[in-house]
Amino acid sequence: MTPPAANDRPISVMIVDDHEVVRRGIAEVVERAEGMTVIAEAGSVADGVRRAGLVRPQILLVDLQLPDGTGIDLMTQVRATQPDVKAVVLTSFDDDDALAAALEAGASAYLLKSVRGAEITEVIKAVASGRTLLDERTVTRRRAGHEDPTENLTPSELKVLDLIGEGMSNREIAERLGVAEKTVKNHITSLLAKMGLQRRTQVAAWVAARKHSGWRAETGH
């Protein structure tokens, strides 16, 4: 029997995600698509690197948060020995820093887990054919559209912002910074105006959300 030509062979995909249910769901989407097949799965950086070395996939479909590191770590290690492997990040983190790190690590595409299954397979095909859907312009353009609401705060206002996030009262902040309580209130009035917020509680909520939204903040989620 004549072996299939290289161009006729299905695109080999390896999926790395620590949530088994998610991983299986993605694998089913890929397997149902014409012209591609899942040749390996892994749930950690270490297991992913080991298995990638054994099966040598064309496409790595990688989550960012893994129990023993990040998808960036995995891509970096695999591409060190398999420079031709193409990587697609599939994550729940719509994070500009993560996007930039993925680009630096050589990812060809960056997808959110909210995308339709058909979009995942379309991107896999595009990347396998040599296209890159993630570039410096994408990162720059996104960052331009996601202005930091704290960029115009003074150093004193930034300190007050952090202390509000720690749950301190105005009096406690004044004692910590060695200033009058009225000065703290003035700083809060100013930072609220600059950030486009109306209440102190909104500041506390913003800081809390910021602390827990980082893609490196917690592993395994």
C-alpha atoms as a PDB file:
ATOM      1  CA  MET A   1       0.000   0.000   0.000  1.00  0.00           C
ATOM      2  CA  THR A   2       1.410   3.369  -0.975  1.00  0.00           C
ATOM      3  CA  PRO A   3       1.860   5.707   2.029  1.00  0.00           C
ATOM      4  CA  PRO A   4      -0.026   8.986   1.795  1.00  0.00           C
ATOM      5  CA  ALA A   5       1.857  11.995   0.528  1.00  0.00           C
ATOM      6  CA  ALA A   6       3.009  14.422   3.188  1.00  0.00           C
ATOM      7  CA  ASN A   7       0.405  16.979   2.099  1.00  0.00           C
ATOM      8  CA  ASP A   8      -2.369  14.396   2.495  1.00  0.00           C
ATOM      9  CA  ARG A   9      -1.469  13.432   6.019  1.00  0.00           C
ATOM     10  CA  PRO A  10      -3.681  14.862   8.750  1.00  0.00           C
ATOM     11  CA  ILE A  11      -2.325  17.752  10.804  1.00  0.00           C
ATOM     12  CA  SER A  12      -1.000  16.264  14.040  1.00  0.00           C
ATOM     13  CA  VAL A  13      -2.156  18.160  17.122  1.00  0.00           C
ATOM     14  CA  MET A  14      -1.090  17.860  20.758  1.00  0.00           C
ATOM     15  CA  ILE A  15      -3.366  19.398  23.404  1.00  0.00           C
ATOM     16  CA  VAL A  16      -1.978  20.590  26.729  1.00  0.00           C
ATOM     17  CA  ASP A  17      -4.558  21.619  29.352  1.00  0.00           C
ATOM     18  CA  ASP A  18      -4.736  20.549  32.989  1.00  0.00           C
ATOM     19  CA  HIS A  19      -8.549  20.257  32.997  1.00  0.00           C
ATOM     20  CA  GLU A  20      -9.362  16.813  31.627  1.00  0.00           C
ATOM     21  CA  VAL A  21     -12.960  17.666  30.695  1.00  0.00           C
ATOM     22  CA  VAL A  22     -11.833  20.745  28.775  1.00  0.00           C
ATOM     23  CA  ARG A  23      -9.032  18.797  27.124  1.00  0.00           C
ATOM     24  CA  ARG A  24     -11.363  16.022  26.020  1.00  0.00           C
ATOM     25  CA  GLY A  25     -13.853  18.536  24.664  1.00  0.00           C
ATOM     26  CA  ILE A  26     -11.181  20.249  22.582  1.00  0.00           C
ATOM     27  CA  ALA A  27      -9.880  16.883  21.395  1.00  0.00           C
ATOM     28  CA  GLU A  28     -13.361  15.919  20.176  1.00  0.00           C
ATOM     29  CA  VAL A  29     -13.651  19.183  18.233  1.00  0.00           C
ATOM     30  CA  VAL A  30     -10.273  18.590  16.577  1.00  0.00           C
ATOM     31  CA  GLU A  31     -10.921  14.927  15.824  1.00  0.00           C
ATOM     32  CA  ARG A  32     -14.262  15.737  14.161  1.00  0.00           C
ATOM     33  CA  ALA A  33     -12.617  18.230  11.818  1.00  0.00           C
ATOM     34  CA  GLU A  34     -11.406  16.971   8.488  1.00  0.00           C
ATOM     35  CA  GLY A  35      -7.671  16.826   7.944  1.00  0.00           C
ATOM     36  CA  MET A  36      -6.415  16.815  11.532  1.00  0.00           C
ATOM     37  CA  THR A  37      -5.922  14.402  14.386  1.00  0.00           C
ATOM     38  CA  VAL A  38      -4.974  14.526  18.077  1.00  0.00           C
ATOM     39  CA  ILE A  39      -1.825  12.479  18.616  1.00  0.00           C
ATOM     40  CA  ALA A  40      -1.205  13.287  22.293  1.00  0.00           C
ATOM     41  CA  GLU A  41      -2.607  15.049  25.352  1.00  0.00           C
ATOM     42  CA  ALA A  42      -0.926  16.329  28.496  1.00  0.00           C
ATOM     43  CA  GLY A  43      -1.909  18.140  31.675  1.00  0.00           C
ATOM     44  CA  SER A  44       1.361  19.748  32.765  1.00  0.00           C
ATOM     45  CA  VAL A  45       4.529  21.367  31.446  1.00  0.00           C
ATOM     46  CA  ALA A  46       6.724  18.386  32.341  1.00  0.00           C
ATOM     47  CA  ASP A  47       4.356  15.827  30.813  1.00  0.00           C
ATOM     48  CA  GLY A  48       3.844  18.044  27.768  1.00  0.00           C
ATOM     49  CA  VAL A  49       7.561  18.389  27.090  1.00  0.00           C
ATOM     50  CA  ARG A  50       8.095  14.634  27.500  1.00  0.00           C
ATOM     51  CA  ARG A  51       5.218  13.641  25.232  1.00  0.00           C
ATOM     52  CA  ALA A  52       6.010  16.253  22.598  1.00  0.00           C
ATOM     53  CA  GLY A  53       9.501  14.759  22.401  1.00  0.00           C
ATOM     54  CA  LEU A  54       8.002  11.336  21.736  1.00  0.00           C
ATOM     55  CA  VAL A  55       5.287  12.191  19.209  1.00  0.00           C
ATOM     56  CA  ARG A  56       6.696  15.385  17.599  1.00  0.00           C
ATOM     57  CA  PRO A  57       3.406  17.156  16.796  1.00  0.00           C
ATOM     58  CA  GLN A  58       2.960  19.753  14.080  1.00  0.00           C
ATOM     59  CA  ILE A  59       0.714  21.893  16.287  1.00  0.00           C
ATOM     60  CA  LEU A  60       0.812  22.482  20.040  1.00  0.00           C
ATOM     61  CA  LEU A  61      -2.550  23.675  21.383  1.00  0.00           C
ATOM     62  CA  VAL A  62      -1.611  25.046  24.790  1.00  0.00           C
ATOM     63  CA  ASP A  63      -3.380  26.514  27.801  1.00  0.00           C
ATOM     64  CA  LEU A  64      -1.480  29.246  29.661  1.00  0.00           C
ATOM     65  CA  GLN A  65      -1.972  28.064  33.227  1.00  0.00           C
ATOM     66  CA  LEU A  66      -0.597  24.658  34.106  1.00  0.00           C
ATOM     67  CA  PRO A  67       0.089  23.125  37.538  1.00  0.00           C
ATOM     68  CA  ASP A  68       3.880  23.277  37.217  1.00  0.00           C
ATOM     69  CA  GLY A  69       4.330  26.426  35.146  1.00  0.00           C
ATOM     70  CA  THR A  70       2.818  28.121  32.121  1.00  0.00           C
ATOM     71  CA  GLY A  71       2.091  27.383  28.499  1.00  0.00           C
ATOM     72  CA  ILE A  72       4.867  29.856  27.706  1.00  0.00           C
ATOM     73  CA  ASP A  73       7.334  27.608  29.575  1.00  0.00           C
ATOM     74  CA  LEU A  74       6.091  24.619  27.612  1.00  0.00           C
ATOM     75  CA  MET A  75       6.356  26.338  24.223  1.00  0.00           C
ATOM     76  CA  THR A  76       9.850  27.591  24.997  1.00  0.00           C
ATOM     77  CA  GLN A  77      11.113  24.151  26.032  1.00  0.00           C
ATOM     78  CA  VAL A  78       9.516  22.249  23.154  1.00  0.00           C
ATOM     79  CA  ARG A  79      10.599  24.747  20.507  1.00  0.00           C
ATOM     80  CA  ALA A  80      14.188  24.533  21.795  1.00  0.00           C
ATOM     81  CA  THR A  81      14.374  20.972  20.449  1.00  0.00           C
ATOM     82  CA  GLN A  82      11.612  21.162  17.814  1.00  0.00           C
ATOM     83  CA  PRO A  83      11.918  24.609  16.227  1.00  0.00           C
ATOM     84  CA  ASP A  84       9.451  23.716  13.467  1.00  0.00           C
ATOM     85  CA  VAL A  85       6.554  23.016  15.836  1.00  0.00           C
ATOM     86  CA  LYS A  86       3.762  25.604  15.624  1.00  0.00           C
ATOM     87  CA  ALA A  87       2.030  26.753  18.794  1.00  0.00           C
ATOM     88  CA  VAL A  88      -1.504  28.019  19.342  1.00  0.00           C
ATOM     89  CA  VAL A  89      -2.435  29.415  22.758  1.00  0.00           C
ATOM     90  CA  LEU A  90      -5.992  28.562  23.866  1.00  0.00           C
ATOM     91  CA  THR A  91      -6.766  30.257  27.165  1.00  0.00           C
ATOM     92  CA  SER A  92      -9.431  31.999  29.220  1.00  0.00           C
ATOM     93  CA  PHE A  93      -7.126  34.991  29.856  1.00  0.00           C
ATOM     94  CA  ASP A  94      -7.770  38.051  27.704  1.00  0.00           C
ATOM     95  CA  ASP A  95      -4.533  39.561  28.973  1.00  0.00           C
ATOM     96  CA  ASP A  96      -2.175  41.835  27.024  1.00  0.00           C
ATOM     97  CA  ASP A  97       0.916  40.729  28.964  1.00  0.00           C
ATOM     98  CA  ALA A  98       0.083  37.092  28.245  1.00  0.00           C
ATOM     99  CA  LEU A  99      -0.459  37.929  24.586  1.00  0.00           C
ATOM    100  CA  ALA A 100       2.952  39.613  24.397  1.00  0.00           C
ATOM    101  CA  ALA A 101       4.634  36.693  26.208  1.00  0.00           C
ATOM    102  CA  ALA A 102       3.017  34.228  23.787  1.00  0.00           C
ATOM    103  CA  LEU A 103       4.320  36.243  20.848  1.00  0.00           C
ATOM    104  CA  GLU A 104       7.818  36.317  22.316  1.00  0.00           C
ATOM    105  CA  ALA A 105       7.730  32.546  22.866  1.00  0.00           C
ATOM    106  CA  GLY A 106       6.893  31.999  19.206  1.00  0.00           C
ATOM    107  CA  ALA A 107       3.144  31.353  19.311  1.00  0.00           C
ATOM    108  CA  SER A 108       1.434  31.688  15.949  1.00  0.00           C
ATOM    109  CA  ALA A 109      -2.054  32.389  17.318  1.00  0.00           C
ATOM    110  CA  TYR A 110      -3.813  33.347  20.546  1.00  0.00           C
ATOM    111  CA  LEU A 111      -7.395  32.187  21.111  1.00  0.00           C
ATOM    112  CA  LEU A 112      -9.821  32.600  23.991  1.00  0.00           C
ATOM    113  CA  LYS A 113     -11.746  29.547  25.182  1.00  0.00           C
ATOM    114  CA  SER A 114     -14.980  31.387  24.432  1.00  0.00           C
ATOM    115  CA  VAL A 115     -14.432  30.857  20.674  1.00  0.00           C
ATOM    116  CA  ARG A 116     -16.517  28.414  18.664  1.00  0.00           C
ATOM    117  CA  GLY A 117     -15.068  24.987  17.946  1.00  0.00           C
ATOM    118  CA  ALA A 118     -14.993  25.746  14.230  1.00  0.00           C
ATOM    119  CA  GLU A 119     -12.759  28.747  14.864  1.00  0.00           C
ATOM    120  CA  ILE A 120     -10.237  26.573  16.698  1.00  0.00           C
ATOM    121  CA  THR A 121      -9.943  24.168  13.779  1.00  0.00           C
ATOM    122  CA  GLU A 122      -9.786  26.997  11.236  1.00  0.00           C
ATOM    123  CA  VAL A 123      -6.895  28.554  13.139  1.00  0.00           C
ATOM    124  CA  ILE A 124      -5.105  25.210  13.410  1.00  0.00           C
ATOM    125  CA  LYS A 125      -5.334  24.778   9.627  1.00  0.00           C
ATOM    126  CA  ALA A 126      -4.117  28.326   9.003  1.00  0.00           C
ATOM    127  CA  VAL A 127      -1.153  27.950  11.358  1.00  0.00           C
ATOM    128  CA  ALA A 128      -0.257  24.528   9.950  1.00  0.00           C
ATOM    129  CA  SER A 129      -0.161  26.074   6.472  1.00  0.00           C
ATOM    130  CA  GLY A 130       2.441  28.559   7.669  1.00  0.00           C
ATOM    131  CA  ARG A 131       0.305  31.564   8.570  1.00  0.00           C
ATOM    132  CA  THR A 132       0.939  33.595  11.727  1.00  0.00           C
ATOM    133  CA  LEU A 133      -2.160  35.177  13.244  1.00  0.00           C
ATOM    134  CA  LEU A 134      -0.320  36.855  16.110  1.00  0.00           C
ATOM    135  CA  ASP A 135       2.180  39.648  15.530  1.00  0.00           C
ATOM    136  CA  GLU A 136       3.626  42.733  17.204  1.00  0.00           C
ATOM    137  CA  ARG A 137       0.989  44.959  15.605  1.00  0.00           C
ATOM    138  CA  THR A 138      -1.771  42.928  17.230  1.00  0.00           C
ATOM    139  CA  VAL A 139      -0.252  43.413  20.683  1.00  0.00           C
ATOM    140  CA  THR A 140       0.393  47.125  20.104  1.00  0.00           C
ATOM    141  CA  ARG A 141      -3.099  47.704  18.745  1.00  0.00           C
ATOM    142  CA  ARG A 142      -4.732  45.918  21.680  1.00  0.00           C
ATOM    143  CA  ARG A 143      -2.686  47.824  24.207  1.00  0.00           C
ATOM    144  CA  ALA A 144      -3.634  51.109  22.564  1.00  0.00           C
ATOM    145  CA  GLY A 145      -7.255  50.150  23.049  1.00  0.00           C
ATOM    146  CA  HIS A 146      -6.782  49.105  26.685  1.00  0.00           C
ATOM    147  CA  GLU A 147      -5.518  52.234  28.385  1.00  0.00           C
ATOM    148  CA  ASP A 148      -4.407  51.884  31.983  1.00  0.00           C
ATOM    149  CA  PRO A 149      -6.814  53.992  34.111  1.00  0.00           C
ATOM    150  CA  THR A 150      -4.019  54.542  36.640  1.00  0.00           C
ATOM    151  CA  GLU A 151      -1.458  55.943  34.186  1.00  0.00           C
ATOM    152  CA  ASN A 152      -2.131  59.574  35.205  1.00  0.00           C
ATOM    153  CA  LEU A 153      -2.054  58.990  38.958  1.00  0.00           C
ATOM    154  CA  THR A 154       0.694  60.597  41.005  1.00  0.00           C
ATOM    155  CA  PRO A 155       3.015  58.402  43.121  1.00  0.00           C
ATOM    156  CA  SER A 156       1.076  59.430  46.251  1.00  0.00           C
ATOM    157  CA  GLU A 157      -2.246  58.553  44.628  1.00  0.00           C
ATOM    158  CA  LEU A 158      -0.886  55.162  43.558  1.00  0.00           C
ATOM    159  CA  LYS A 159       0.127  54.428  47.171  1.00  0.00           C
ATOM    160  CA  VAL A 160      -3.351  55.368  48.366  1.00  0.00           C
ATOM    161  CA  LEU A 161      -4.847  53.163  45.653  1.00  0.00           C
ATOM    162  CA  ASP A 162      -2.838  50.146  46.818  1.00  0.00           C
ATOM    163  CA  LEU A 163      -3.749  50.717  50.468  1.00  0.00           C
ATOM    164  CA  ILE A 164      -7.446  51.026  49.641  1.00  0.00           C
ATOM    165  CA  GLY A 165      -7.042  47.667  47.918  1.00  0.00           C
ATOM    166  CA  GLU A 166      -5.635  46.255  51.155  1.00  0.00           C
ATOM    167  CA  GLY A 167      -8.851  47.263  52.891  1.00  0.00           C
ATOM    168  CA  MET A 168      -7.457  50.150  54.924  1.00  0.00           C
ATOM    169  CA  SER A 169      -9.634  53.015  56.119  1.00  0.00           C
ATOM    170  CA  ASN A 170      -8.744  56.649  55.379  1.00  0.00           C
ATOM    171  CA  ARG A 171      -7.418  57.025  58.910  1.00  0.00           C
ATOM    172  CA  GLU A 172      -5.219  53.920  58.605  1.00  0.00           C
ATOM    173  CA  ILE A 173      -3.883  55.107  55.261  1.00  0.00           C
ATOM    174  CA  ALA A 174      -3.084  58.525  56.769  1.00  0.00           C
ATOM    175  CA  GLU A 175      -1.173  56.839  59.620  1.00  0.00           C
ATOM    176  CA  ARG A 176       0.693  54.540  57.211  1.00  0.00           C
ATOM    177  CA  LEU A 177       1.755  57.425  54.956  1.00  0.00           C
ATOM    178  CA  GLY A 178       2.315  59.927  57.752  1.00  0.00           C
ATOM    179  CA  VAL A 179      -0.082  62.510  56.331  1.00  0.00           C
ATOM    180  CA  ALA A 180      -3.309  64.147  57.453  1.00  0.00           C
ATOM    181  CA  GLU A 181      -6.572  62.280  56.881  1.00  0.00           C
ATOM    182  CA  LYS A 182      -7.804  65.254  54.843  1.00  0.00           C
ATOM    183  CA  THR A 183      -4.831  64.773  52.497  1.00  0.00           C
ATOM    184  CA  VAL A 184      -5.846  61.157  51.962  1.00  0.00           C
ATOM    185  CA  LYS A 185      -9.413  62.249  51.158  1.00  0.00           C
ATOM    186  CA  ASN A 186      -8.049  64.754  48.634  1.00  0.00           C
ATOM    187  CA  HIS A 187      -5.957  62.018  46.995  1.00  0.00           C
ATOM    188  CA  ILE A 188      -9.023  59.748  46.785  1.00  0.00           C
ATOM    189  CA  THR A 189     -11.145  62.498  45.227  1.00  0.00           C
ATOM    190  CA  SER A 190      -8.432  63.081  42.647  1.00  0.00           C
ATOM    191  CA  LEU A 191      -7.808  59.417  41.785  1.00  0.00           C
ATOM    192  CA  LEU A 192     -11.553  58.747  41.469  1.00  0.00           C
ATOM    193  CA  ALA A 193     -11.831  61.531  38.906  1.00  0.00           C
ATOM    194  CA  LYS A 194      -8.782  60.319  36.970  1.00  0.00           C
ATOM    195  CA  MET A 195      -9.954  56.695  36.930  1.00  0.00           C
ATOM    196  CA  GLY A 196     -13.515  57.563  35.990  1.00  0.00           C
ATOM    197  CA  LEU A 197     -14.943  56.041  39.171  1.00  0.00           C
ATOM    198  CA  GLN A 198     -17.454  57.452  41.628  1.00  0.00           C
ATOM    199  CA  ARG A 199     -16.989  55.629  44.911  1.00  0.00           C
ATOM    200  CA  ARG A 200     -14.200  54.368  47.123  1.00  0.00           C
ATOM    201  CA  THR A 201     -15.699  50.856  47.014  1.00  0.00           C
ATOM    202  CA  GLN A 202     -15.263  50.824  43.241  1.00  0.00           C
ATOM    203  CA  VAL A 203     -11.552  51.478  43.737  1.00  0.00           C
ATOM    204  CA  ALA A 204     -11.264  48.548  46.155  1.00  0.00           C
ATOM    205  CA  ALA A 205     -13.119  46.304  43.697  1.00  0.00           C
ATOM    206  CA  TRP A 206     -10.896  47.424  40.806  1.00  0.00           C
ATOM    207  CA  VAL A 207      -7.698  46.660  42.754  1.00  0.00           C
ATOM    208  CA  ALA A 208      -9.033  43.242  43.819  1.00  0.00           C
ATOM    209  CA  ALA A 209      -9.976  42.358  40.238  1.00  0.00           C
ATOM    210  CA  ARG A 210      -6.581  43.485  38.985  1.00  0.00           C
ATOM    211  CA  LYS A 211      -4.741  41.323  41.521  1.00  0.00           C
ATOM    212  CA  HIS A 212      -6.670  38.193  40.569  1.00  0.00           C
ATOM    213  CA  SER A 213      -6.827  38.625  36.810  1.00  0.00           C
ATOM    214  CA  GLY A 214      -3.163  38.080  36.035  1.00  0.00           C
ATOM    215  CA  TRP A 215      -2.594  34.939  33.982  1.00  0.00           C
ATOM    216  CA  ARG A 216       0.420  34.033  36.167  1.00  0.00           C
ATOM    217  CA  ALA A 217      -1.422  34.677  39.442  1.00  0.00           C
ATOM    218  CA  GLU A 218      -2.714  31.167  40.073  1.00  0.00           C
ATOM    219  CA  THR A 219      -1.730  27.895  38.506  1.00  0.00           C
ATOM    220  CA  GLY A 220      -4.130  25.117  37.792  1.00  0.00           C
ATOM    221  CA  HIS A 221      -7.203  27.265  37.032  1.00  0.00           C
END
